[in-house]
Amino acid sequence: MKKLTNKEEEVMKILWELEKAFVKDVLAKFTEDKPHYNTLSTIIRNLEEKGYVSHEAYGNTHQYYPVLAKEEYRKQFISGAIEDYFNSSYKNLVSYFAAEDKISVEELKEIIKLIEKKN
């Protein structure tokens, strides 16, 4: 699937939350940088062309819903980021967070315990 723009991702988060929504419902959820109705409608149609969203038609009105689950998108996004920025290495990812003081020793120990429980 094609990567999403920041605005498309923001719209998807709203659709995942609402599950089904008309453009006006999505628009009402924006708190900052509220797009124009027509702009939002175009973004949603683009999401549909990319395969992330589908719709049910009610006359001239469309109710949109996500086709891709949030968990599936997260999996694709994280995998892509690790591949692109950490040479497909989760070790490199964790090392980066440790070097940047974004993860504590206690959190690392918890992760190790989780891994050991799985094996």
PDB file of N, CA and C in Angstrom:
ATOM      1  N   MET A   1       0.831  -1.184   0.000  1.00  0.00           N
ATOM      2  CA  MET A   1       0.000   0.000   0.000  1.00  0.00           C
ATOM      3  C   MET A   1       0.876   1.248   0.000  1.00  0.00           C
ATOM      4  N   LYS A   2       0.345   2.288  -0.575  1.00  0.00           N
ATOM      5  CA  LYS A   2       1.084   3.546  -0.654  1.00  0.00           C
ATOM      6  C   LYS A   2       1.148   4.223   0.707  1.00  0.00           C
ATOM      7  N   LYS A   3       2.262   4.955   0.920  1.00  0.00           N
ATOM      8  CA  LYS A   3       2.419   5.704   2.163  1.00  0.00           C
ATOM      9  C   LYS A   3       1.380   6.808   2.237  1.00  0.00           C
ATOM     10  N   LEU A   4       1.023   7.156   3.454  1.00  0.00           N
ATOM     11  CA  LEU A   4       0.064   8.225   3.669  1.00  0.00           C
ATOM     12  C   LEU A   4       0.777   9.536   3.989  1.00  0.00           C
ATOM     13  N   THR A   5       0.162  10.631   3.572  1.00  0.00           N
ATOM     14  CA  THR A   5       0.655  11.943   3.974  1.00  0.00           C
ATOM     15  C   THR A   5       0.246  12.158   5.431  1.00  0.00           C
ATOM     16  N   ASN A   6       0.801  13.173   6.067  1.00  0.00           N
ATOM     17  CA  ASN A   6       0.439  13.477   7.451  1.00  0.00           C
ATOM     18  C   ASN A   6      -1.054  13.752   7.587  1.00  0.00           C
ATOM     19  N   LYS A   7      -1.626  14.497   6.653  1.00  0.00           N
ATOM     20  CA  LYS A   7      -3.047  14.839   6.711  1.00  0.00           C
ATOM     21  C   LYS A   7      -3.896  13.589   6.484  1.00  0.00           C
ATOM     22  N   GLU A   8      -3.488  12.725   5.556  1.00  0.00           N
ATOM     23  CA  GLU A   8      -4.218  11.479   5.321  1.00  0.00           C
ATOM     24  C   GLU A   8      -4.197  10.603   6.574  1.00  0.00           C
ATOM     25  N   GLU A   9      -3.045  10.558   7.224  1.00  0.00           N
ATOM     26  CA  GLU A   9      -2.923   9.775   8.448  1.00  0.00           C
ATOM     27  C   GLU A   9      -3.837  10.337   9.544  1.00  0.00           C
ATOM     28  N   GLU A  10      -3.903  11.646   9.625  1.00  0.00           N
ATOM     29  CA  GLU A  10      -4.780  12.299  10.598  1.00  0.00           C
ATOM     30  C   GLU A  10      -6.247  11.932  10.328  1.00  0.00           C
ATOM     31  N   VAL A  11      -6.629  11.924   9.074  1.00  0.00           N
ATOM     32  CA  VAL A  11      -7.998  11.553   8.693  1.00  0.00           C
ATOM     33  C   VAL A  11      -8.253  10.084   9.012  1.00  0.00           C
ATOM     34  N   MET A  12      -7.284   9.229   8.740  1.00  0.00           N
ATOM     35  CA  MET A  12      -7.451   7.807   9.051  1.00  0.00           C
ATOM     36  C   MET A  12      -7.646   7.598  10.548  1.00  0.00           C
ATOM     37  N   LYS A  13      -6.911   8.302  11.376  1.00  0.00           N
ATOM     38  CA  LYS A  13      -7.068   8.174  12.831  1.00  0.00           C
ATOM     39  C   LYS A  13      -8.495   8.514  13.232  1.00  0.00           C
ATOM     40  N   ILE A  14      -9.055   9.532  12.614  1.00  0.00           N
ATOM     41  CA  ILE A  14     -10.440   9.918  12.907  1.00  0.00           C
ATOM     42  C   ILE A  14     -11.398   8.828  12.434  1.00  0.00           C
ATOM     43  N   LEU A  15     -11.175   8.303  11.233  1.00  0.00           N
ATOM     44  CA  LEU A  15     -12.051   7.238  10.718  1.00  0.00           C
ATOM     45  C   LEU A  15     -11.956   5.967  11.562  1.00  0.00           C
ATOM     46  N   TRP A  16     -10.758   5.632  12.031  1.00  0.00           N
ATOM     47  CA  TRP A  16     -10.634   4.468  12.909  1.00  0.00           C
ATOM     48  C   TRP A  16     -11.422   4.684  14.196  1.00  0.00           C
ATOM     49  N   GLU A  17     -11.392   5.903  14.690  1.00  0.00           N
ATOM     50  CA  GLU A  17     -12.126   6.223  15.913  1.00  0.00           C
ATOM     51  C   GLU A  17     -13.640   6.161  15.679  1.00  0.00           C
ATOM     52  N   LEU A  18     -14.099   6.754  14.581  1.00  0.00           N
ATOM     53  CA  LEU A  18     -15.537   6.827  14.309  1.00  0.00           C
ATOM     54  C   LEU A  18     -16.101   5.538  13.713  1.00  0.00           C
ATOM     55  N   GLU A  19     -15.262   4.757  13.070  1.00  0.00           N
ATOM     56  CA  GLU A  19     -15.601   3.505  12.379  1.00  0.00           C
ATOM     57  C   GLU A  19     -16.372   3.725  11.075  1.00  0.00           C
ATOM     58  N   LYS A  20     -17.399   4.550  11.068  1.00  0.00           N
ATOM     59  CA  LYS A  20     -18.119   4.946   9.855  1.00  0.00           C
ATOM     60  C   LYS A  20     -18.451   6.415  10.004  1.00  0.00           C
ATOM     61  N   ALA A  21     -18.272   7.180   8.910  1.00  0.00           N
ATOM     62  CA  ALA A  21     -18.529   8.612   9.043  1.00  0.00           C
ATOM     63  C   ALA A  21     -18.747   9.266   7.684  1.00  0.00           C
ATOM     64  N   PHE A  22     -19.564  10.303   7.711  1.00  0.00           N
ATOM     65  CA  PHE A  22     -19.721  11.179   6.564  1.00  0.00           C
ATOM     66  C   PHE A  22     -18.617  12.235   6.661  1.00  0.00           C
ATOM     67  N   VAL A  23     -18.332  12.925   5.576  1.00  0.00           N
ATOM     68  CA  VAL A  23     -17.279  13.940   5.569  1.00  0.00           C
ATOM     69  C   VAL A  23     -17.513  14.958   6.685  1.00  0.00           C
ATOM     70  N   LYS A  24     -18.751  15.373   6.881  1.00  0.00           N
ATOM     71  CA  LYS A  24     -19.062  16.376   7.911  1.00  0.00           C
ATOM     72  C   LYS A  24     -18.722  15.860   9.312  1.00  0.00           C
ATOM     73  N   ASP A  25     -18.865  14.552   9.537  1.00  0.00           N
ATOM     74  CA  ASP A  25     -18.522  13.961  10.833  1.00  0.00           C
ATOM     75  C   ASP A  25     -17.013  14.001  11.067  1.00  0.00           C
ATOM     76  N   VAL A  26     -16.264  13.697  10.012  1.00  0.00           N
ATOM     77  CA  VAL A  26     -14.797  13.747  10.105  1.00  0.00           C
ATOM     78  C   VAL A  26     -14.362  15.184  10.345  1.00  0.00           C
ATOM     79  N   LEU A  27     -14.933  16.106   9.616  1.00  0.00           N
ATOM     80  CA  LEU A  27     -14.595  17.527   9.749  1.00  0.00           C
ATOM     81  C   LEU A  27     -14.835  18.021  11.172  1.00  0.00           C
ATOM     82  N   ALA A  28     -15.899  17.577  11.789  1.00  0.00           N
ATOM     83  CA  ALA A  28     -16.236  18.004  13.153  1.00  0.00           C
ATOM     84  C   ALA A  28     -15.200  17.547  14.182  1.00  0.00           C
ATOM     85  N   LYS A  29     -14.442  16.503  13.872  1.00  0.00           N
ATOM     86  CA  LYS A  29     -13.436  15.970  14.797  1.00  0.00           C
ATOM     87  C   LYS A  29     -12.117  16.752  14.778  1.00  0.00           C
ATOM     88  N   PHE A  30     -11.904  17.578  13.765  1.00  0.00           N
ATOM     89  CA  PHE A  30     -10.675  18.365  13.687  1.00  0.00           C
ATOM     90  C   PHE A  30     -10.715  19.468  14.734  1.00  0.00           C
ATOM     91  N   THR A  31      -9.637  19.589  15.500  1.00  0.00           N
ATOM     92  CA  THR A  31      -9.559  20.644  16.508  1.00  0.00           C
ATOM     93  C   THR A  31      -8.686  21.798  16.031  1.00  0.00           C
ATOM     94  N   GLU A  32      -7.608  21.465  15.332  1.00  0.00           N
ATOM     95  CA  GLU A  32      -6.688  22.475  14.804  1.00  0.00           C
ATOM     96  C   GLU A  32      -6.514  22.260  13.305  1.00  0.00           C
ATOM     97  N   ASP A  33      -6.146  23.317  12.619  1.00  0.00           N
ATOM     98  CA  ASP A  33      -5.895  23.235  11.174  1.00  0.00           C
ATOM     99  C   ASP A  33      -7.037  22.518  10.452  1.00  0.00           C
ATOM    100  N   LYS A  34      -8.263  22.955  10.731  1.00  0.00           N
ATOM    101  CA  LYS A  34      -9.449  22.336  10.128  1.00  0.00           C
ATOM    102  C   LYS A  34      -9.437  22.601   8.625  1.00  0.00           C
ATOM    103  N   PRO A  35      -9.416  21.522   7.820  1.00  0.00           N
ATOM    104  CA  PRO A  35      -9.417  21.712   6.368  1.00  0.00           C
ATOM    105  C   PRO A  35     -10.796  22.173   5.877  1.00  0.00           C
ATOM    106  N   HIS A  36     -10.826  22.731   4.700  1.00  0.00           N
ATOM    107  CA  HIS A  36     -12.090  23.085   4.059  1.00  0.00           C
ATOM    108  C   HIS A  36     -12.818  21.781   3.730  1.00  0.00           C
ATOM    109  N   TYR A  37     -14.129  21.801   3.732  1.00  0.00           N
ATOM    110  CA  TYR A  37     -14.940  20.611   3.464  1.00  0.00           C
ATOM    111  C   TYR A  37     -14.515  19.921   2.169  1.00  0.00           C
ATOM    112  N   ASN A  38     -14.357  20.705   1.086  1.00  0.00           N
ATOM    113  CA  ASN A  38     -13.987  20.111  -0.212  1.00  0.00           C
ATOM    114  C   ASN A  38     -12.595  19.492  -0.173  1.00  0.00           C
ATOM    115  N   THR A  39     -11.679  20.120   0.548  1.00  0.00           N
ATOM    116  CA  THR A  39     -10.323  19.577   0.691  1.00  0.00           C
ATOM    117  C   THR A  39     -10.378  18.245   1.419  1.00  0.00           C
ATOM    118  N   LEU A  40     -11.137  18.194   2.507  1.00  0.00           N
ATOM    119  CA  LEU A  40     -11.272  16.953   3.269  1.00  0.00           C
ATOM    120  C   LEU A  40     -11.918  15.859   2.419  1.00  0.00           C
ATOM    121  N   SER A  41     -12.919  16.220   1.654  1.00  0.00           N
ATOM    122  CA  SER A  41     -13.581  15.269   0.774  1.00  0.00           C
ATOM    123  C   SER A  41     -12.577  14.685  -0.229  1.00  0.00           C
ATOM    124  N   THR A  42     -11.707  15.519  -0.758  1.00  0.00           N
ATOM    125  CA  THR A  42     -10.669  15.065  -1.697  1.00  0.00           C
ATOM    126  C   THR A  42      -9.687  14.128  -1.001  1.00  0.00           C
ATOM    127  N   ILE A  43      -9.285  14.465   0.217  1.00  0.00           N
ATOM    128  CA  ILE A  43      -8.361  13.614   0.978  1.00  0.00           C
ATOM    129  C   ILE A  43      -8.977  12.234   1.179  1.00  0.00           C
ATOM    130  N   ILE A  44     -10.246  12.205   1.549  1.00  0.00           N
ATOM    131  CA  ILE A  44     -10.917  10.919   1.785  1.00  0.00           C
ATOM    132  C   ILE A  44     -11.039  10.115   0.496  1.00  0.00           C
ATOM    133  N   ARG A  45     -11.344  10.785  -0.605  1.00  0.00           N
ATOM    134  CA  ARG A  45     -11.404  10.069  -1.895  1.00  0.00           C
ATOM    135  C   ARG A  45     -10.022   9.533  -2.275  1.00  0.00           C
ATOM    136  N   ASN A  46      -8.967  10.295  -1.984  1.00  0.00           N
ATOM    137  CA  ASN A  46      -7.602   9.811  -2.237  1.00  0.00           C
ATOM    138  C   ASN A  46      -7.302   8.573  -1.397  1.00  0.00           C
ATOM    139  N   LEU A  47      -7.761   8.586  -0.145  1.00  0.00           N
ATOM    140  CA  LEU A  47      -7.577   7.417   0.720  1.00  0.00           C
ATOM    141  C   LEU A  47      -8.308   6.201   0.144  1.00  0.00           C
ATOM    142  N   GLU A  48      -9.449   6.461  -0.453  1.00  0.00           N
ATOM    143  CA  GLU A  48     -10.207   5.378  -1.078  1.00  0.00           C
ATOM    144  C   GLU A  48      -9.452   4.832  -2.289  1.00  0.00           C
ATOM    145  N   GLU A  49      -8.877   5.724  -3.105  1.00  0.00           N
ATOM    146  CA  GLU A  49      -8.094   5.291  -4.275  1.00  0.00           C
ATOM    147  C   GLU A  49      -6.870   4.487  -3.856  1.00  0.00           C
ATOM    148  N   LYS A  50      -6.281   4.824  -2.703  1.00  0.00           N
ATOM    149  CA  LYS A  50      -5.105   4.114  -2.200  1.00  0.00           C
ATOM    150  C   LYS A  50      -5.461   2.789  -1.529  1.00  0.00           C
ATOM    151  N   GLY A  51      -6.767   2.540  -1.332  1.00  0.00           N
ATOM    152  CA  GLY A  51      -7.202   1.278  -0.762  1.00  0.00           C
ATOM    153  C   GLY A  51      -7.344   1.258   0.750  1.00  0.00           C
ATOM    154  N   TYR A  52      -7.306   2.415   1.391  1.00  0.00           N
ATOM    155  CA  TYR A  52      -7.426   2.489   2.842  1.00  0.00           C
ATOM    156  C   TYR A  52      -8.872   2.642   3.306  1.00  0.00           C
ATOM    157  N   VAL A  53      -9.723   3.164   2.438  1.00  0.00           N
ATOM    158  CA  VAL A  53     -11.092   3.533   2.802  1.00  0.00           C
ATOM    159  C   VAL A  53     -12.042   3.049   1.710  1.00  0.00           C
ATOM    160  N   SER A  54     -13.277   2.752   2.122  1.00  0.00           N
ATOM    161  CA  SER A  54     -14.337   2.465   1.171  1.00  0.00           C
ATOM    162  C   SER A  54     -15.565   3.249   1.621  1.00  0.00           C
ATOM    163  N   HIS A  55     -16.660   3.108   0.893  1.00  0.00           N
ATOM    164  CA  HIS A  55     -17.851   3.871   1.270  1.00  0.00           C
ATOM    165  C   HIS A  55     -19.131   3.126   0.951  1.00  0.00           C
ATOM    166  N   GLU A  56     -20.184   3.567   1.606  1.00  0.00           N
ATOM    167  CA  GLU A  56     -21.545   3.153   1.285  1.00  0.00           C
ATOM    168  C   GLU A  56     -22.247   4.398   0.773  1.00  0.00           C
ATOM    169  N   ALA A  57     -22.940   4.277  -0.336  1.00  0.00           N
ATOM    170  CA  ALA A  57     -23.619   5.432  -0.934  1.00  0.00           C
ATOM    171  C   ALA A  57     -25.057   5.510  -0.447  1.00  0.00           C
ATOM    172  N   TYR A  58     -25.461   6.714  -0.102  1.00  0.00           N
ATOM    173  CA  TYR A  58     -26.839   7.026   0.263  1.00  0.00           C
ATOM    174  C   TYR A  58     -27.255   8.191  -0.624  1.00  0.00           C
ATOM    175  N   GLY A  59     -27.740   7.884  -1.821  1.00  0.00           N
ATOM    176  CA  GLY A  59     -28.020   8.928  -2.795  1.00  0.00           C
ATOM    177  C   GLY A  59     -26.712   9.575  -3.227  1.00  0.00           C
ATOM    178  N   ASN A  60     -26.618  10.898  -3.081  1.00  0.00           N
ATOM    179  CA  ASN A  60     -25.392  11.626  -3.434  1.00  0.00           C
ATOM    180  C   ASN A  60     -24.388  11.689  -2.293  1.00  0.00           C
ATOM    181  N   THR A  61     -24.754  11.160  -1.145  1.00  0.00           N
ATOM    182  CA  THR A  61     -23.902  11.230   0.040  1.00  0.00           C
ATOM    183  C   THR A  61     -23.195   9.899   0.253  1.00  0.00           C
ATOM    184  N   HIS A  62     -21.966   9.967   0.738  1.00  0.00           N
ATOM    185  CA  HIS A  62     -21.194   8.757   1.007  1.00  0.00           C
ATOM    186  C   HIS A  62     -20.818   8.691   2.479  1.00  0.00           C
ATOM    187  N   GLN A  63     -20.973   7.505   3.034  1.00  0.00           N
ATOM    188  CA  GLN A  63     -20.490   7.246   4.386  1.00  0.00           C
ATOM    189  C   GLN A  63     -19.239   6.385   4.243  1.00  0.00           C
ATOM    190  N   TYR A  64     -18.143   6.900   4.786  1.00  0.00           N
ATOM    191  CA  TYR A  64     -16.839   6.251   4.607  1.00  0.00           C
ATOM    192  C   TYR A  64     -16.482   5.400   5.828  1.00  0.00           C
ATOM    193  N   TYR A  65     -15.686   4.373   5.557  1.00  0.00           N
ATOM    194  CA  TYR A  65     -15.207   3.518   6.643  1.00  0.00           C
ATOM    195  C   TYR A  65     -13.828   2.970   6.260  1.00  0.00           C
ATOM    196  N   PRO A  66     -12.979   2.724   7.272  1.00  0.00           N
ATOM    197  CA  PRO A  66     -11.643   2.193   6.984  1.00  0.00           C
ATOM    198  C   PRO A  66     -11.706   0.747   6.513  1.00  0.00           C
ATOM    199  N   VAL A  67     -10.896   0.427   5.537  1.00  0.00           N
ATOM    200  CA  VAL A  67     -10.779  -0.936   5.041  1.00  0.00           C
ATOM    201  C   VAL A  67      -9.611  -1.619   5.752  1.00  0.00           C
ATOM    202  N   LEU A  68      -8.593  -0.839   6.055  1.00  0.00           N
ATOM    203  CA  LEU A  68      -7.396  -1.345   6.721  1.00  0.00           C
ATOM    204  C   LEU A  68      -7.504  -1.049   8.216  1.00  0.00           C
ATOM    205  N   ALA A  69      -7.334  -2.060   9.049  1.00  0.00           N
ATOM    206  CA  ALA A  69      -7.395  -1.887  10.505  1.00  0.00           C
ATOM    207  C   ALA A  69      -6.192  -1.068  10.983  1.00  0.00           C
ATOM    208  N   LYS A  70      -6.394  -0.349  12.058  1.00  0.00           N
ATOM    209  CA  LYS A  70      -5.336   0.480  12.635  1.00  0.00           C
ATOM    210  C   LYS A  70      -4.102  -0.363  12.972  1.00  0.00           C
ATOM    211  N   GLU A  71      -4.315  -1.547  13.524  1.00  0.00           N
ATOM    212  CA  GLU A  71      -3.201  -2.433  13.886  1.00  0.00           C
ATOM    213  C   GLU A  71      -2.392  -2.838  12.654  1.00  0.00           C
ATOM    214  N   GLU A  72      -3.072  -3.129  11.569  1.00  0.00           N
ATOM    215  CA  GLU A  72      -2.385  -3.524  10.339  1.00  0.00           C
ATOM    216  C   GLU A  72      -1.567  -2.360   9.790  1.00  0.00           C
ATOM    217  N   TYR A  73      -2.139  -1.159   9.830  1.00  0.00           N
ATOM    218  CA  TYR A  73      -1.401   0.021   9.370  1.00  0.00           C
ATOM    219  C   TYR A  73      -0.180   0.245  10.247  1.00  0.00           C
ATOM    220  N   ARG A  74      -0.352   0.117  11.568  1.00  0.00           N
ATOM    221  CA  ARG A  74       0.775   0.317  12.487  1.00  0.00           C
ATOM    222  C   ARG A  74       1.896  -0.672  12.172  1.00  0.00           C
ATOM    223  N   LYS A  75       1.514  -1.933  11.922  1.00  0.00           N
ATOM    224  CA  LYS A  75       2.499  -2.967  11.606  1.00  0.00           C
ATOM    225  C   LYS A  75       3.284  -2.592  10.345  1.00  0.00           C
ATOM    226  N   GLN A  76       2.570  -2.156   9.303  1.00  0.00           N
ATOM    227  CA  GLN A  76       3.226  -1.757   8.052  1.00  0.00           C
ATOM    228  C   GLN A  76       4.113  -0.534   8.263  1.00  0.00           C
ATOM    229  N   PHE A  77       3.608   0.441   9.013  1.00  0.00           N
ATOM    230  CA  PHE A  77       4.341   1.687   9.246  1.00  0.00           C
ATOM    231  C   PHE A  77       5.630   1.420  10.018  1.00  0.00           C
ATOM    232  N   ILE A  78       5.525   0.653  11.101  1.00  0.00           N
ATOM    233  CA  ILE A  78       6.697   0.355  11.937  1.00  0.00           C
ATOM    234  C   ILE A  78       7.710  -0.467  11.143  1.00  0.00           C
ATOM    235  N   SER A  79       7.234  -1.472  10.433  1.00  0.00           N
ATOM    236  CA  SER A  79       8.144  -2.305   9.637  1.00  0.00           C
ATOM    237  C   SER A  79       8.882  -1.462   8.601  1.00  0.00           C
ATOM    238  N   GLY A  80       8.163  -0.558   7.948  1.00  0.00           N
ATOM    239  CA  GLY A  80       8.782   0.316   6.957  1.00  0.00           C
ATOM    240  C   GLY A  80       9.811   1.248   7.572  1.00  0.00           C
ATOM    241  N   ALA A  81       9.494   1.812   8.731  1.00  0.00           N
ATOM    242  CA  ALA A  81      10.420   2.723   9.412  1.00  0.00           C
ATOM    243  C   ALA A  81      11.683   1.988   9.850  1.00  0.00           C
ATOM    244  N   ILE A  82      11.517   0.784  10.375  1.00  0.00           N
ATOM    245  CA  ILE A  82      12.683   0.001  10.817  1.00  0.00           C
ATOM    246  C   ILE A  82      13.544  -0.380   9.617  1.00  0.00           C
ATOM    247  N   GLU A  83      12.892  -0.742   8.524  1.00  0.00           N
ATOM    248  CA  GLU A  83      13.632  -1.080   7.305  1.00  0.00           C
ATOM    249  C   GLU A  83      14.372   0.141   6.756  1.00  0.00           C
ATOM    250  N   ASP A  84      13.677   1.281   6.694  1.00  0.00           N
ATOM    251  CA  ASP A  84      14.248   2.490   6.093  1.00  0.00           C
ATOM    252  C   ASP A  84      15.324   3.157   6.949  1.00  0.00           C
ATOM    253  N   TYR A  85      15.151   3.152   8.265  1.00  0.00           N
ATOM    254  CA  TYR A  85      16.024   3.948   9.128  1.00  0.00           C
ATOM    255  C   TYR A  85      16.939   3.143  10.043  1.00  0.00           C
ATOM    256  N   PHE A  86      16.678   1.836  10.183  1.00  0.00           N
ATOM    257  CA  PHE A  86      17.474   1.036  11.115  1.00  0.00           C
ATOM    258  C   PHE A  86      17.996  -0.246  10.473  1.00  0.00           C
ATOM    259  N   ASN A  87      18.141  -0.238   9.151  1.00  0.00           N
ATOM    260  CA  ASN A  87      18.676  -1.392   8.412  1.00  0.00           C
ATOM    261  C   ASN A  87      17.957  -2.690   8.753  1.00  0.00           C
ATOM    262  N   SER A  88      16.643  -2.612   8.903  1.00  0.00           N
ATOM    263  CA  SER A  88      15.804  -3.772   9.215  1.00  0.00           C
ATOM    264  C   SER A  88      16.193  -4.465  10.519  1.00  0.00           C
ATOM    265  N   SER A  89      16.794  -3.714  11.446  1.00  0.00           N
ATOM    266  CA  SER A  89      17.274  -4.295  12.701  1.00  0.00           C
ATOM    267  C   SER A  89      16.541  -3.686  13.895  1.00  0.00           C
ATOM    268  N   TYR A  90      15.834  -4.554  14.612  1.00  0.00           N
ATOM    269  CA  TYR A  90      15.166  -4.100  15.835  1.00  0.00           C
ATOM    270  C   TYR A  90      16.201  -3.758  16.907  1.00  0.00           C
ATOM    271  N   LYS A  91      17.339  -4.441  16.858  1.00  0.00           N
ATOM    272  CA  LYS A  91      18.429  -4.135  17.789  1.00  0.00           C
ATOM    273  C   LYS A  91      18.905  -2.694  17.568  1.00  0.00           C
ATOM    274  N   ASN A  92      19.051  -2.307  16.310  1.00  0.00           N
ATOM    275  CA  ASN A  92      19.454  -0.930  16.012  1.00  0.00           C
ATOM    276  C   ASN A  92      18.402   0.069  16.499  1.00  0.00           C
ATOM    277  N   LEU A  93      17.148  -0.293  16.378  1.00  0.00           N
ATOM    278  CA  LEU A  93      16.061   0.565  16.845  1.00  0.00           C
ATOM    279  C   LEU A  93      16.149   0.768  18.355  1.00  0.00           C
ATOM    280  N   VAL A  94      16.258  -0.322  19.091  1.00  0.00           N
ATOM    281  CA  VAL A  94      16.328  -0.233  20.556  1.00  0.00           C
ATOM    282  C   VAL A  94      17.602   0.500  20.978  1.00  0.00           C
ATOM    283  N   SER A  95      18.712   0.238  20.304  1.00  0.00           N
ATOM    284  CA  SER A  95      19.970   0.924  20.614  1.00  0.00           C
ATOM    285  C   SER A  95      19.841   2.427  20.411  1.00  0.00           C
ATOM    286  N   TYR A  96      19.133   2.806  19.362  1.00  0.00           N
ATOM    287  CA  TYR A  96      18.903   4.225  19.100  1.00  0.00           C
ATOM    288  C   TYR A  96      18.148   4.865  20.259  1.00  0.00           C
ATOM    289  N   PHE A  97      17.063   4.231  20.693  1.00  0.00           N
ATOM    290  CA  PHE A  97      16.280   4.788  21.795  1.00  0.00           C
ATOM    291  C   PHE A  97      17.082   4.824  23.094  1.00  0.00           C
ATOM    292  N   ALA A  98      17.917   3.821  23.314  1.00  0.00           N
ATOM    293  CA  ALA A  98      18.759   3.804  24.514  1.00  0.00           C
ATOM    294  C   ALA A  98      19.775   4.946  24.463  1.00  0.00           C
ATOM    295  N   ALA A  99      20.385   5.142  23.309  1.00  0.00           N
ATOM    296  CA  ALA A  99      21.388   6.214  23.157  1.00  0.00           C
ATOM    297  C   ALA A  99      20.762   7.597  23.305  1.00  0.00           C
ATOM    298  N   GLU A 100      19.518   7.734  22.926  1.00  0.00           N
ATOM    299  CA  GLU A 100      18.814   9.020  23.003  1.00  0.00           C
ATOM    300  C   GLU A 100      18.097   9.209  24.347  1.00  0.00           C
ATOM    301  N   ASP A 101      18.330   8.275  25.284  1.00  0.00           N
ATOM    302  CA  ASP A 101      17.665   8.309  26.598  1.00  0.00           C
ATOM    303  C   ASP A 101      16.146   8.331  26.483  1.00  0.00           C
ATOM    304  N   LYS A 102      15.625   7.608  25.507  1.00  0.00           N
ATOM    305  CA  LYS A 102      14.180   7.515  25.299  1.00  0.00           C
ATOM    306  C   LYS A 102      13.603   6.241  25.915  1.00  0.00           C
ATOM    307  N   ILE A 103      14.500   5.361  26.398  1.00  0.00           N
ATOM    308  CA  ILE A 103      14.058   4.116  27.021  1.00  0.00           C
ATOM    309  C   ILE A 103      14.956   3.865  28.231  1.00  0.00           C
ATOM    310  N   SER A 104      14.347   3.473  29.324  1.00  0.00           N
ATOM    311  CA  SER A 104      15.097   3.266  30.568  1.00  0.00           C
ATOM    312  C   SER A 104      15.561   1.819  30.689  1.00  0.00           C
ATOM    313  N   VAL A 105      16.453   1.595  31.613  1.00  0.00           N
ATOM    314  CA  VAL A 105      16.936   0.241  31.890  1.00  0.00           C
ATOM    315  C   VAL A 105      15.773  -0.628  32.361  1.00  0.00           C
ATOM    316  N   GLU A 106      14.899  -0.048  33.176  1.00  0.00           N
ATOM    317  CA  GLU A 106      13.743  -0.804  33.667  1.00  0.00           C
ATOM    318  C   GLU A 106      12.848  -1.240  32.505  1.00  0.00           C
ATOM    319  N   GLU A 107      12.630  -0.335  31.549  1.00  0.00           N
ATOM    320  CA  GLU A 107      11.812  -0.676  30.385  1.00  0.00           C
ATOM    321  C   GLU A 107      12.478  -1.764  29.547  1.00  0.00           C
ATOM    322  N   LEU A 108      13.800  -1.683  29.411  1.00  0.00           N
ATOM    323  CA  LEU A 108      14.523  -2.719  28.671  1.00  0.00           C
ATOM    324  C   LEU A 108      14.396  -4.072  29.360  1.00  0.00           C
ATOM    325  N   LYS A 109      14.474  -4.063  30.686  1.00  0.00           N
ATOM    326  CA  LYS A 109      14.309  -5.313  31.445  1.00  0.00           C
ATOM    327  C   LYS A 109      12.906  -5.888  31.241  1.00  0.00           C
ATOM    328  N   GLU A 110      11.906  -5.022  31.215  1.00  0.00           N
ATOM    329  CA  GLU A 110      10.532  -5.470  30.973  1.00  0.00           C
ATOM    330  C   GLU A 110      10.409  -6.100  29.588  1.00  0.00           C
ATOM    331  N   ILE A 111      11.059  -5.489  28.602  1.00  0.00           N
ATOM    332  CA  ILE A 111      11.032  -6.022  27.238  1.00  0.00           C
ATOM    333  C   ILE A 111      11.687  -7.396  27.201  1.00  0.00           C
ATOM    334  N   ILE A 112      12.814  -7.544  27.870  1.00  0.00           N
ATOM    335  CA  ILE A 112      13.506  -8.826  27.916  1.00  0.00           C
ATOM    336  C   ILE A 112      12.616  -9.887  28.564  1.00  0.00           C
ATOM    337  N   LYS A 113      11.922  -9.537  29.640  1.00  0.00           N
ATOM    338  CA  LYS A 113      11.018 -10.476  30.294  1.00  0.00           C
ATOM    339  C   LYS A 113       9.895 -10.905  29.351  1.00  0.00           C
ATOM    340  N   LEU A 114       9.349  -9.940  28.602  1.00  0.00           N
ATOM    341  CA  LEU A 114       8.294 -10.255  27.627  1.00  0.00           C
ATOM    342  C   LEU A 114       8.796 -11.237  26.572  1.00  0.00           C
ATOM    343  N   ILE A 115      10.010 -10.997  26.089  1.00  0.00           N
ATOM    344  CA  ILE A 115      10.599 -11.881  25.081  1.00  0.00           C
ATOM    345  C   ILE A 115      10.835 -13.267  25.647  1.00  0.00           C
ATOM    346  N   GLU A 116      11.363 -13.326  26.892  1.00  0.00           N
ATOM    347  CA  GLU A 116      11.638 -14.625  27.511  1.00  0.00           C
ATOM    348  C   GLU A 116      10.338 -15.403  27.747  1.00  0.00           C
ATOM    349  N   LYS A 117       9.247 -14.722  28.075  1.00  0.00           N
ATOM    350  CA  LYS A 117       7.968 -15.401  28.288  1.00  0.00           C
ATOM    351  C   LYS A 117       7.458 -16.052  27.003  1.00  0.00           C
ATOM    352  N   LYS A 118       7.748 -15.410  25.852  1.00  0.00           N
ATOM    353  CA  LYS A 118       7.283 -15.940  24.575  1.00  0.00           C
ATOM    354  C   LYS A 118       8.037 -17.207  24.177  1.00  0.00           C
ATOM    355  N   ASN A 119       9.276 -17.356  24.664  1.00  0.00           N
ATOM    356  CA  ASN A 119      10.109 -18.509  24.249  1.00  0.00           C
ATOM    357  C   ASN A 119       9.972 -19.663  25.198  1.00  0.00           C
TER     358      ASN A 119
END
